[in-house]
Amino acid sequence: MAAHLAPDVVMYQAPSLPYGGTWRGHDGMERFMAVMSELWSELTFREQHYAVDGETVTVRNDCVFRARATGREVDTSVLQWITVRDGLVSEFRPFYLDTSAVLAALRG
């Protein structure tokens, strides 16, 4: 994955999520992925739809998350606004359809 990311890549996650905040650079993305795998045992992307406008890519993901600690599933959609610069991803901005459902699955 790192080969497709700009060195200064940034991901902005909703502050209300346990992995919320700003994740910077390849190290930040590695730490983000580690936190996600601690929290979720499964991430299944059933369907994805893309729209491209210059350097902006919008991806709608219909997905199911399974919380590692509780075993609860969330069937939801996540919209990602991705910026590409010089052929590399420089920014991710994911928007969850229902962050409350995500939090409920994680907390049990």
Protein backbone atom coordinates (compact mmCIF):
# COMPACT_ATOMS: atom_id res chain seq x y z
CA MET A 1 0.00 0.00 0.00
CA ALA A 2 2.83 2.42 0.87
CA ALA A 3 3.99 2.45 -2.76
CA HIS A 4 0.74 4.23 -3.67
CA LEU A 5 0.90 6.84 -0.90
CA ALA A 6 2.63 10.21 -0.99
CA PRO A 7 5.30 10.54 1.74
CA ASP A 8 3.21 13.30 3.35
CA VAL A 9 -0.13 11.47 3.03
CA VAL A 10 -2.79 12.54 5.55
CA MET A 11 -5.92 10.74 6.73
CA TYR A 12 -8.62 12.61 8.67
CA GLN A 13 -10.89 10.34 10.71
CA ALA A 14 -14.02 11.50 12.59
CA PRO A 15 -12.90 12.70 16.04
CA SER A 16 -15.68 10.74 17.78
CA LEU A 17 -14.20 7.39 16.67
CA PRO A 18 -11.59 5.52 18.75
CA TYR A 19 -9.24 5.90 15.76
CA GLY A 20 -10.33 9.49 15.18
CA GLY A 21 -7.98 12.33 14.44
CA THR A 22 -5.31 13.08 11.90
CA TRP A 23 -2.88 10.38 10.74
CA ARG A 24 0.20 11.68 8.88
CA GLY A 25 2.81 10.07 6.67
CA HIS A 26 3.56 6.41 6.07
CA ASP A 27 4.20 5.89 9.79
CA GLY A 28 0.81 7.39 10.63
CA MET A 29 -0.92 5.14 8.12
CA GLU A 30 0.83 2.08 9.58
CA ARG A 31 -0.29 3.07 13.08
CA PHE A 32 -3.84 3.68 11.83
CA MET A 33 -3.96 0.23 10.20
CA ALA A 34 -2.66 -1.36 13.42
CA VAL A 35 -5.41 0.31 15.47
CA MET A 36 -8.05 -0.73 12.94
CA SER A 37 -6.92 -4.36 13.08
CA GLU A 38 -6.98 -4.27 16.90
CA LEU A 39 -10.59 -3.06 16.84
CA TRP A 40 -12.08 -4.91 13.85
CA SER A 41 -11.73 -8.62 13.11
CA GLU A 42 -13.34 -8.28 9.68
CA LEU A 43 -13.88 -5.55 7.11
CA THR A 44 -15.87 -6.74 4.12
CA PHE A 45 -16.41 -4.37 1.21
CA ARG A 46 -19.47 -5.71 -0.63
CA GLU A 47 -19.72 -3.01 -3.22
CA GLN A 48 -17.68 0.02 -4.25
CA HIS A 49 -18.57 2.87 -6.58
CA TYR A 50 -16.01 5.39 -7.85
CA ALA A 51 -16.23 8.88 -9.30
CA VAL A 52 -13.14 10.69 -10.55
CA ASP A 53 -12.80 14.43 -11.13
CA GLY A 54 -9.21 15.44 -11.82
CA GLU A 55 -7.18 14.74 -8.68
CA THR A 56 -10.26 13.97 -6.58
CA VAL A 57 -11.63 10.44 -6.30
CA THR A 58 -14.84 9.71 -4.42
CA VAL A 59 -15.48 6.13 -3.35
CA ARG A 60 -18.72 4.86 -1.85
CA ASN A 61 -18.11 1.64 0.07
CA ASP A 62 -20.99 -0.56 1.17
CA CYS A 63 -19.38 -2.62 3.88
CA VAL A 64 -19.70 -4.75 6.97
CA PHE A 65 -17.40 -4.30 9.98
CA ARG A 66 -17.13 -6.92 12.76
CA ALA A 67 -15.86 -5.67 16.11
CA ARG A 68 -13.12 -7.85 17.57
CA ALA A 69 -14.06 -7.27 21.23
CA THR A 70 -17.84 -7.67 20.93
CA GLY A 71 -18.38 -9.73 17.77
CA ARG A 72 -21.05 -7.23 16.72
CA GLU A 73 -21.42 -6.29 13.06
CA VAL A 74 -22.12 -2.93 11.47
CA ASP A 75 -23.65 -2.97 8.00
CA THR A 76 -23.07 0.53 6.69
CA SER A 77 -21.66 2.80 4.01
CA VAL A 78 -18.48 4.83 4.10
CA LEU A 79 -17.85 7.59 1.60
CA GLN A 80 -14.20 8.43 1.02
CA TRP A 81 -12.94 11.61 -0.54
CA ILE A 82 -9.41 10.87 -1.79
CA THR A 83 -6.93 13.34 -3.26
CA VAL A 84 -4.26 12.14 -5.70
CA ARG A 85 -1.16 14.21 -6.37
CA ASP A 86 1.54 13.19 -8.87
CA GLY A 87 -0.01 9.72 -9.13
CA LEU A 88 0.08 9.10 -5.35
CA VAL A 89 -2.67 9.33 -2.74
CA SER A 90 -2.03 12.45 -0.66
CA GLU A 91 -5.22 12.66 1.41
CA PHE A 92 -8.08 10.50 2.69
CA ARG A 93 -11.28 11.92 4.19
CA PRO A 94 -13.70 9.11 5.11
CA PHE A 95 -17.30 9.92 6.08
CA TYR A 96 -19.30 7.23 7.89
CA LEU A 97 -23.05 6.95 7.34
CA ASP A 98 -23.57 6.24 11.06
CA THR A 99 -20.69 6.77 13.50
CA SER A 100 -23.07 5.97 16.40
CA ALA A 101 -23.60 2.45 15.04
CA VAL A 102 -19.85 2.02 14.66
CA LEU A 103 -19.30 3.09 18.28
CA ALA A 104 -22.13 0.84 19.54
CA ALA A 105 -20.59 -2.19 17.82
CA LEU A 106 -17.20 -1.47 19.36
CA ARG A 107 -18.58 -0.88 22.87
CA GLY A 108 -21.14 -3.64 22.96
